[in-house]
């Protein structure tokens, strides 16, 4: 294994095994700011578990190119700022995932408000459902959890790419814990890898 691979894996063990869980134990306003700072560092270092798994940095440049397509009139500075926000949002989502096993989730729920939820609960009571499609640019984890805590059964699509042998074990464990902890709040819903159980989603869509 190359030196940079060893270094990358060591950083991931520290990052996902210690830093993120420790941030989730700090007061919420502290953890949120630390998550943003972590995102800024990740942006400048072009650090992402996908890059480490494949052995080359591509997330920052790939995100910048995507922003060029999504917002062609924003200029290079605007696209770079949007790329920075991607890293910040992603870091925040990873921090939020660690909150699910801690003491703050009930506090977050009590401080949250919902719009349009009554209609969805009405659909659910009648045995109907709705398919939600979202651009995964901001945190979907906390939104799903809060909907589940408010009484809505939610099923989420995930991917087995997080279990690829090239992905470091600390990252694999992070995602396994994330999905299982999410399910505790999803009102009977599941997080399922689409590569392994499409029948689950076919059945859900029929309902």
Protein backbone atom coordinates (compact mmCIF):
# COMPACT_ATOMS: atom_id res chain seq x y z
CA UNK A 1 0.00 0.00 0.00
CA UNK A 2 1.32 3.44 -0.93
CA UNK A 3 2.27 6.00 1.71
CA UNK A 4 -0.55 8.34 0.69
CA UNK A 5 -3.05 5.49 0.93
CA UNK A 6 -1.86 4.67 4.43
CA UNK A 7 -2.01 8.34 5.40
CA UNK A 8 -5.51 8.71 3.95
CA UNK A 9 -6.78 5.66 5.83
CA UNK A 10 -5.21 6.88 9.06
CA UNK A 11 -6.91 10.25 8.66
CA UNK A 12 -10.24 8.54 7.99
CA UNK A 13 -9.91 6.38 11.10
CA UNK A 14 -9.36 9.52 13.16
CA UNK A 15 -12.01 11.54 11.34
CA UNK A 16 -14.87 9.04 11.31
CA UNK A 17 -13.90 7.05 14.36
CA UNK A 18 -13.13 9.92 16.75
CA UNK A 19 -13.63 13.46 15.43
CA UNK A 20 -17.23 13.24 14.18
CA UNK A 21 -18.53 11.32 17.23
CA UNK A 22 -16.74 13.82 19.52
CA UNK A 23 -18.29 16.76 17.67
CA UNK A 24 -21.74 15.22 18.18
CA UNK A 25 -21.21 15.30 21.95
CA UNK A 26 -20.54 19.04 22.07
CA UNK A 27 -23.39 21.59 22.44
CA UNK A 28 -25.33 21.88 19.19
CA UNK A 29 -24.15 25.38 18.29
CA UNK A 30 -20.53 24.27 18.84
CA UNK A 31 -20.91 21.07 16.84
CA UNK A 32 -22.56 22.90 13.95
CA UNK A 33 -19.71 25.40 13.73
CA UNK A 34 -17.11 22.65 13.96
CA UNK A 35 -18.88 20.79 11.16
CA UNK A 36 -18.68 23.91 8.97
CA UNK A 37 -15.00 24.38 9.76
CA UNK A 38 -14.38 20.73 8.94
CA UNK A 39 -16.17 21.23 5.62
CA UNK A 40 -13.95 24.20 4.75
CA UNK A 41 -10.82 22.16 5.48
CA UNK A 42 -12.17 19.27 3.40
CA UNK A 43 -12.78 21.67 0.52
CA UNK A 44 -9.25 23.08 0.52
CA UNK A 45 -7.73 19.60 0.87
CA UNK A 46 -10.23 18.05 -1.59
CA UNK A 47 -10.71 15.40 1.06
CA UNK A 48 -13.60 12.97 0.61
CA UNK A 49 -13.93 9.27 1.38
CA UNK A 50 -14.71 8.58 -2.28
CA UNK A 51 -11.41 10.13 -3.34
CA UNK A 52 -9.51 8.11 -0.75
CA UNK A 53 -11.24 4.90 -1.87
CA UNK A 54 -10.36 5.43 -5.55
CA UNK A 55 -6.89 6.81 -4.87
CA UNK A 56 -7.28 10.17 -6.58
CA UNK A 57 -8.97 13.46 -5.77
CA UNK A 58 -11.90 14.21 -8.02
CA UNK A 59 -14.81 15.40 -5.88
CA UNK A 60 -13.97 19.11 -5.85
CA UNK A 61 -13.30 19.33 -9.59
CA UNK A 62 -16.33 17.16 -10.37
CA UNK A 63 -18.57 19.31 -8.20
CA UNK A 64 -17.24 22.48 -9.83
CA UNK A 65 -18.04 21.07 -13.28
CA UNK A 66 -21.53 20.15 -12.11
CA UNK A 67 -22.06 23.68 -10.82
CA UNK A 68 -21.02 24.97 -14.26
CA UNK A 69 -23.96 23.03 -15.72
CA UNK A 70 -26.42 23.88 -12.95
CA UNK A 71 -25.57 27.58 -12.82
CA UNK A 72 -23.78 28.55 -16.05
CA UNK A 73 -24.17 32.29 -15.48
CA UNK A 74 -22.71 32.37 -11.98
CA UNK A 75 -19.09 32.86 -13.02
CA UNK A 76 -16.05 30.97 -11.80
CA UNK A 77 -16.11 32.56 -8.33
CA UNK A 78 -19.79 31.76 -7.85
CA UNK A 79 -19.25 28.14 -8.91
CA UNK A 80 -16.29 27.84 -6.56
CA UNK A 81 -18.36 29.22 -3.66
CA UNK A 82 -21.14 26.73 -4.48
CA UNK A 83 -18.53 23.94 -4.51
CA UNK A 84 -17.31 25.09 -1.09
CA UNK A 85 -20.90 24.96 0.17
CA UNK A 86 -21.15 21.36 -1.03
CA UNK A 87 -18.27 20.36 1.26
CA UNK A 88 -19.74 22.35 4.15
CA UNK A 89 -23.20 20.82 3.71
CA UNK A 90 -21.76 17.32 3.43
CA UNK A 91 -19.71 17.76 6.58
CA UNK A 92 -22.79 19.02 8.40
CA UNK A 93 -24.79 15.99 7.26
CA UNK A 94 -22.12 13.63 8.55
CA UNK A 95 -22.17 15.45 11.89
CA UNK A 96 -25.97 15.26 11.98
CA UNK A 97 -25.80 11.51 11.34
CA UNK A 98 -23.73 11.17 14.51
CA UNK A 99 -26.36 13.09 16.48
CA UNK A 100 -28.87 10.27 15.94
CA UNK A 101 -27.30 8.13 18.65
CA UNK A 102 -26.94 11.01 21.10
CA UNK A 103 -29.03 13.12 23.45
CA UNK A 104 -29.86 16.06 21.18
CA UNK A 105 -32.28 14.53 18.70
CA UNK A 106 -35.36 15.13 20.87
CA UNK A 107 -34.32 18.75 21.36
CA UNK A 108 -33.99 19.22 17.61
CA UNK A 109 -37.43 17.68 17.08
CA UNK A 110 -39.08 19.96 19.63
CA UNK A 111 -37.56 23.00 17.95
CA UNK A 112 -38.62 21.95 14.44
CA UNK A 113 -41.69 23.04 12.48
CA UNK A 114 -43.40 21.25 9.59
CA UNK A 115 -45.36 22.53 6.60
CA UNK A 116 -47.71 20.30 4.61
CA UNK A 117 -47.24 17.31 6.88
CA UNK A 118 -50.96 16.91 7.66
CA UNK A 119 -51.70 16.00 4.05
CA UNK A 120 -48.97 13.36 4.00
CA UNK A 121 -50.24 11.84 7.25
CA UNK A 122 -53.72 11.82 5.74
CA UNK A 123 -52.42 9.92 2.71
CA UNK A 124 -50.68 7.45 5.01
CA UNK A 125 -53.87 6.88 7.01
CA UNK A 126 -55.69 6.08 3.75
CA UNK A 127 -53.01 3.56 2.80
CA UNK A 128 -51.42 5.79 0.19
CA UNK A 129 -47.93 7.21 -0.08
CA UNK A 130 -45.84 9.69 -1.98
CA UNK A 131 -42.48 9.46 -3.73
CA UNK A 132 -40.06 12.23 -2.74
CA UNK A 133 -37.20 13.04 -5.11
CA UNK A 134 -34.53 15.40 -3.84
CA UNK A 135 -31.21 16.76 -5.02
CA UNK A 136 -28.72 15.41 -2.50
CA UNK A 137 -26.95 18.74 -1.98
CA UNK A 138 -28.09 19.48 1.54
CA UNK A 139 -28.85 17.18 4.46
CA UNK A 140 -31.61 14.69 3.78
CA UNK A 141 -30.87 12.65 6.90
CA UNK A 142 -32.27 15.04 9.48
CA UNK A 143 -35.33 15.77 7.34
CA UNK A 144 -36.21 12.08 7.05
CA UNK A 145 -35.68 11.53 10.77
CA UNK A 146 -37.89 14.45 11.76
CA UNK A 147 -40.66 13.32 9.40
CA UNK A 148 -40.53 9.88 10.98
CA UNK A 149 -40.65 11.32 14.48
CA UNK A 150 -43.69 13.36 13.42
CA UNK A 151 -45.51 10.15 12.48
CA UNK A 152 -44.72 9.64 8.79
CA UNK A 153 -43.36 6.27 7.69
CA UNK A 154 -40.42 6.88 5.37
CA UNK A 155 -38.39 4.47 3.24
CA UNK A 156 -35.09 5.69 1.83
CA UNK A 157 -32.97 4.50 -1.08
CA UNK A 158 -29.28 3.87 -0.34
CA UNK A 159 -26.43 2.30 -2.28
CA UNK A 160 -24.12 -0.60 -1.50
CA UNK A 161 -21.20 1.47 -2.81
CA UNK A 162 -20.52 2.36 0.84
CA UNK A 163 -19.65 -1.32 1.42
CA UNK A 164 -17.15 -1.55 -1.43
CA UNK A 165 -13.91 -3.19 -0.30
CA UNK A 166 -11.96 -0.08 -1.30
CA UNK A 167 -13.91 2.02 1.22
CA UNK A 168 -12.12 2.15 4.56
CA UNK A 169 -13.69 0.16 7.39
CA UNK A 170 -14.21 3.29 9.50
CA UNK A 171 -16.33 4.81 6.72
CA UNK A 172 -18.23 1.56 6.19
CA UNK A 173 -19.02 1.43 9.90
CA UNK A 174 -20.09 5.09 9.84
CA UNK A 175 -22.63 4.41 7.11
CA UNK A 176 -23.88 1.19 8.67
CA UNK A 177 -24.47 2.97 11.99
CA UNK A 178 -25.99 5.95 10.18
CA UNK A 179 -28.59 3.88 8.35
CA UNK A 180 -29.48 1.70 11.34
CA UNK A 181 -29.82 4.75 13.60
CA UNK A 182 -32.00 6.44 10.98
CA UNK A 183 -34.34 3.45 10.94
CA UNK A 184 -34.97 3.83 14.66
CA UNK A 185 -36.78 7.10 13.94
CA UNK A 186 -38.43 6.33 10.58
CA UNK A 187 -41.72 5.03 12.01
CA UNK A 188 -41.20 1.51 10.71
CA UNK A 189 -39.46 2.60 7.50
CA UNK A 190 -36.21 1.19 6.17
CA UNK A 191 -33.03 2.35 4.47
CA UNK A 192 -32.40 -0.20 1.71
CA UNK A 193 -29.62 -0.59 -0.87
CA UNK A 194 -31.31 -0.46 -4.26
CA UNK A 195 -28.77 -2.88 -5.77
CA UNK A 196 -29.84 -5.67 -3.42
CA UNK A 197 -33.56 -5.36 -2.85
CA UNK A 198 -35.47 -3.69 -5.66
CA UNK A 199 -38.47 -5.85 -4.76
CA UNK A 200 -38.76 -3.86 -1.53
CA UNK A 201 -39.23 -0.65 -3.50
CA UNK A 202 -41.53 -2.27 -6.05
CA UNK A 203 -43.75 -3.33 -3.17
CA UNK A 204 -43.62 0.15 -1.63
CA UNK A 205 -44.48 1.78 -4.96
CA UNK A 206 -47.50 -0.50 -5.38
CA UNK A 207 -48.82 0.91 -2.10
